[in-house]
Amino acid sequence: MARRNLTGAVDFAYLENFAANDAGVIEEVLNLFREQAGIWSSMLDASAEGWRDAAHTLKGAARGIGANHLGELCAAAEADGPQHLADVLHALDLVLADIAAYQHEQALQSLKTPR
């Protein structure tokens, strides 16, 4: 599959392998990540009391889907402080863009595949 529109923020081969190429599981995991990203992103502000908890939670979720760079940035924020939060938010945006492109590609592929 030609994933030429992706930035590389997510290692989809890792996710596909981890989910045993089960398209339904992959879709569900990515949808959950996208939904929760809205919650996490609003908490990734130095003035928010729970920003470190949000970074920790996002770190695990990111690594779980193969968004390793985002996971590393979250770890840096946890360890070094909120000065990394802008980088975390930027990386999260890239991950969400890649997920949207991946899901769009999967939808197009499903239209081409006979059932």
Protein backbone atom coordinates (compact mmCIF):
# COMPACT_ATOMS: atom_id res chain seq x y z
CA MET A 1 0.00 0.00 0.00
CA ALA A 2 1.44 3.39 -0.97
CA ARG A 3 1.36 5.57 2.12
CA ARG A 4 2.94 8.54 0.40
CA ASN A 5 0.83 11.11 2.26
CA LEU A 6 2.03 10.07 5.70
CA THR A 7 4.69 11.95 7.67
CA GLY A 8 6.15 8.91 9.38
CA ALA A 9 4.87 9.95 12.79
CA VAL A 10 3.25 6.54 13.24
CA ASP A 11 4.81 3.17 12.47
CA PHE A 12 1.72 1.55 11.02
CA ALA A 13 3.62 -1.65 10.21
CA TYR A 14 4.23 -2.03 13.95
CA LEU A 15 0.54 -1.45 14.71
CA GLU A 16 -0.62 -3.83 11.99
CA ASN A 17 1.76 -6.53 13.23
CA PHE A 18 0.77 -5.97 16.86
CA ALA A 19 -2.92 -6.24 15.94
CA ALA A 20 -2.28 -9.33 13.77
CA ASN A 21 -3.49 -7.33 10.74
CA ASP A 22 -7.02 -7.29 12.12
CA ALA A 23 -8.48 -4.23 10.39
CA GLY A 24 -11.32 -3.98 12.91
CA VAL A 25 -8.97 -3.90 15.88
CA ILE A 26 -6.69 -1.37 14.17
CA GLU A 27 -9.64 0.87 13.37
CA GLU A 28 -10.96 0.67 16.93
CA VAL A 29 -7.55 1.43 18.48
CA LEU A 30 -6.96 4.40 16.17
CA ASN A 31 -10.46 5.77 16.80
CA LEU A 32 -9.93 5.53 20.56
CA PHE A 33 -6.58 7.29 20.25
CA ARG A 34 -8.16 10.09 18.21
CA GLU A 35 -11.03 10.55 20.66
CA GLN A 36 -8.77 10.62 23.68
CA ALA A 37 -6.30 12.97 21.97
CA GLY A 38 -8.88 15.73 22.35
CA ILE A 39 -8.87 15.23 26.11
CA TRP A 40 -5.09 14.96 26.39
CA SER A 41 -4.36 17.97 24.20
CA SER A 42 -6.47 20.25 26.37
CA MET A 43 -4.52 19.06 29.42
CA LEU A 44 -1.08 19.53 27.81
CA ASP A 45 -0.77 23.07 29.07
CA ALA A 46 1.73 24.08 31.76
CA SER A 47 -1.04 25.90 33.62
CA ALA A 48 -3.18 22.75 33.78
CA GLU A 49 -2.77 20.86 37.02
CA GLY A 50 -2.73 17.44 35.34
CA TRP A 51 -0.38 18.14 32.43
CA ARG A 52 2.21 15.61 33.65
CA ASP A 53 -0.43 12.88 34.01
CA ALA A 54 -1.70 13.67 30.51
CA ALA A 55 1.84 13.44 29.12
CA HIS A 56 2.33 10.10 30.87
CA THR A 57 -0.94 8.68 29.56
CA LEU A 58 -0.27 9.95 26.05
CA LYS A 59 3.24 8.46 26.17
CA GLY A 60 1.87 4.95 26.68
CA ALA A 61 -0.90 5.32 24.15
CA ALA A 62 1.48 6.74 21.55
CA ARG A 63 3.95 3.91 21.98
CA GLY A 64 1.08 1.44 21.76
CA ILE A 65 0.16 2.58 18.25
CA GLY A 66 3.73 3.01 17.03
CA ALA A 67 4.02 6.78 17.50
CA ASN A 68 7.44 6.44 19.09
CA HIS A 69 8.68 10.01 18.59
CA LEU A 70 5.58 11.34 20.31
CA GLY A 71 6.17 8.88 23.14
CA GLU A 72 9.74 10.10 23.53
CA LEU A 73 8.64 13.74 23.61
CA CYS A 74 6.07 12.90 26.28
CA ALA A 75 8.79 11.16 28.31
CA ALA A 76 10.98 14.27 27.99
CA ALA A 77 8.13 16.48 29.19
CA GLU A 78 7.52 14.18 32.15
CA ALA A 79 11.19 14.17 33.11
CA ASP A 80 12.32 17.68 32.22
CA GLY A 81 9.23 19.83 32.55
CA PRO A 82 6.56 21.65 30.60
CA GLN A 83 8.96 23.42 28.22
CA HIS A 84 8.54 20.33 25.98
CA LEU A 85 4.75 20.60 25.76
CA ALA A 86 4.72 22.65 22.56
CA ASP A 87 6.79 19.91 20.89
CA VAL A 88 4.43 17.27 22.26
CA LEU A 89 1.41 19.09 20.83
CA HIS A 90 3.09 19.51 17.45
CA ALA A 91 4.00 15.81 17.35
CA LEU A 92 0.45 14.91 18.37
CA ASP A 93 -0.87 16.94 15.44
CA LEU A 94 1.41 14.98 13.07
CA VAL A 95 0.26 11.68 14.56
CA LEU A 96 -3.39 12.66 14.16
CA ALA A 97 -2.77 13.71 10.55
CA ASP A 98 -1.11 10.37 9.84
CA ILE A 99 -3.98 8.49 11.45
CA ALA A 100 -6.50 10.43 9.35
CA ALA A 101 -4.52 9.70 6.17
CA TYR A 102 -4.16 6.03 7.10
CA GLN A 103 -7.86 5.64 7.84
CA HIS A 104 -8.74 7.44 4.62
CA GLU A 105 -6.48 5.10 2.68
CA GLN A 106 -8.04 2.09 4.39
CA ALA A 107 -11.51 3.33 3.47
CA LEU A 108 -10.48 3.78 -0.17
CA GLN A 109 -8.90 0.34 -0.19
CA SER A 110 -12.10 -1.22 1.15
CA LEU A 111 -13.99 0.26 -1.80
CA LYS A 112 -11.59 -1.47 -4.20
CA THR A 113 -11.62 -4.85 -2.48
CA PRO A 114 -14.42 -7.22 -3.51
CA ARG A 115 -16.38 -8.59 -0.59
